Amino acid sequence: MDIEGKEVLKQTTNFEMIDISKLPSNYYLLKIITDEKITITKKIIKK
């Protein structure tokens, strides 16, 4: 999600790395939902 709340990338498979290289510089919120339905949210600043 960008800082305005718009979803900009969605990945629904198992992963170890998320490629944000194509996203413009901005503030983002990374929301991860685990298989156990635990939600983790992190702030990311892409310069």
C-alpha atoms as a PDB file:
ATOM      1  CA  MET A   1       0.000   0.000   0.000  1.00  0.00           C
ATOM      2  CA  ASP A   2       1.231   3.465  -0.688  1.00  0.00           C
ATOM      3  CA  ILE A   3       0.887   6.222   1.894  1.00  0.00           C
ATOM      4  CA  GLU A   4      -2.552   7.120   0.458  1.00  0.00           C
ATOM      5  CA  GLY A   5      -3.838   3.588   1.086  1.00  0.00           C
ATOM      6  CA  LYS A   6      -3.823   2.395  -2.540  1.00  0.00           C
ATOM      7  CA  GLU A   7      -2.738  -1.195  -3.134  1.00  0.00           C
ATOM      8  CA  VAL A   8       0.303  -1.082  -5.430  1.00  0.00           C
ATOM      9  CA  LEU A   9       1.539  -4.684  -5.293  1.00  0.00           C
ATOM     10  CA  LYS A  10      -0.045  -7.956  -4.271  1.00  0.00           C
ATOM     11  CA  GLN A  11       1.799 -11.241  -3.967  1.00  0.00           C
ATOM     12  CA  THR A  12      -0.096 -14.303  -2.803  1.00  0.00           C
ATOM     13  CA  THR A  13       2.499 -17.056  -3.088  1.00  0.00           C
ATOM     14  CA  ASN A  14       5.162 -18.177  -0.663  1.00  0.00           C
ATOM     15  CA  PHE A  15       8.103 -15.828  -0.908  1.00  0.00           C
ATOM     16  CA  GLU A  16      11.360 -14.858   0.705  1.00  0.00           C
ATOM     17  CA  MET A  17      11.870 -11.600  -1.173  1.00  0.00           C
ATOM     18  CA  ILE A  18       9.555  -8.926  -2.550  1.00  0.00           C
ATOM     19  CA  ASP A  19      10.721  -7.020  -5.642  1.00  0.00           C
ATOM     20  CA  ILE A  20       9.794  -3.333  -5.284  1.00  0.00           C
ATOM     21  CA  SER A  21      12.299  -2.109  -7.866  1.00  0.00           C
ATOM     22  CA  LYS A  22       9.517  -1.045 -10.270  1.00  0.00           C
ATOM     23  CA  LEU A  23       7.683   1.029  -7.668  1.00  0.00           C
ATOM     24  CA  PRO A  24       8.402   4.765  -7.556  1.00  0.00           C
ATOM     25  CA  SER A  25      10.131   6.396  -4.583  1.00  0.00           C
ATOM     26  CA  ASN A  26       7.572   6.791  -1.822  1.00  0.00           C
ATOM     27  CA  TYR A  27       6.491   5.631   1.635  1.00  0.00           C
ATOM     28  CA  TYR A  28       4.815   2.209   1.657  1.00  0.00           C
ATOM     29  CA  LEU A  29       3.116  -0.089   4.133  1.00  0.00           C
ATOM     30  CA  LEU A  30       3.933  -3.767   3.744  1.00  0.00           C
ATOM     31  CA  LYS A  31       1.138  -5.988   5.028  1.00  0.00           C
ATOM     32  CA  ILE A  32       1.919  -9.678   5.432  1.00  0.00           C
ATOM     33  CA  ILE A  33      -0.731 -12.244   6.344  1.00  0.00           C
ATOM     34  CA  THR A  34       0.789 -15.563   7.384  1.00  0.00           C
ATOM     35  CA  ASP A  35      -0.677 -19.023   6.836  1.00  0.00           C
ATOM     36  CA  GLU A  36      -1.727 -18.863  10.496  1.00  0.00           C
ATOM     37  CA  LYS A  37      -3.728 -15.662   9.724  1.00  0.00           C
ATOM     38  CA  ILE A  38      -1.313 -13.442  11.663  1.00  0.00           C
ATOM     39  CA  THR A  39      -1.058  -9.934  10.174  1.00  0.00           C
ATOM     40  CA  ILE A  40       2.295  -8.119  10.210  1.00  0.00           C
ATOM     41  CA  THR A  41       2.554  -4.516   8.974  1.00  0.00           C
ATOM     42  CA  LYS A  42       5.862  -2.734   8.282  1.00  0.00           C
ATOM     43  CA  LYS A  43       6.696   0.739   6.955  1.00  0.00           C
ATOM     44  CA  ILE A  44       9.030   0.910   3.964  1.00  0.00           C
ATOM     45  CA  ILE A  45      10.682   4.028   2.577  1.00  0.00           C
ATOM     46  CA  LYS A  46      11.870   3.633  -1.006  1.00  0.00           C
ATOM     47  CA  LYS A  47      14.335   6.336  -2.010  1.00  0.00           C
END
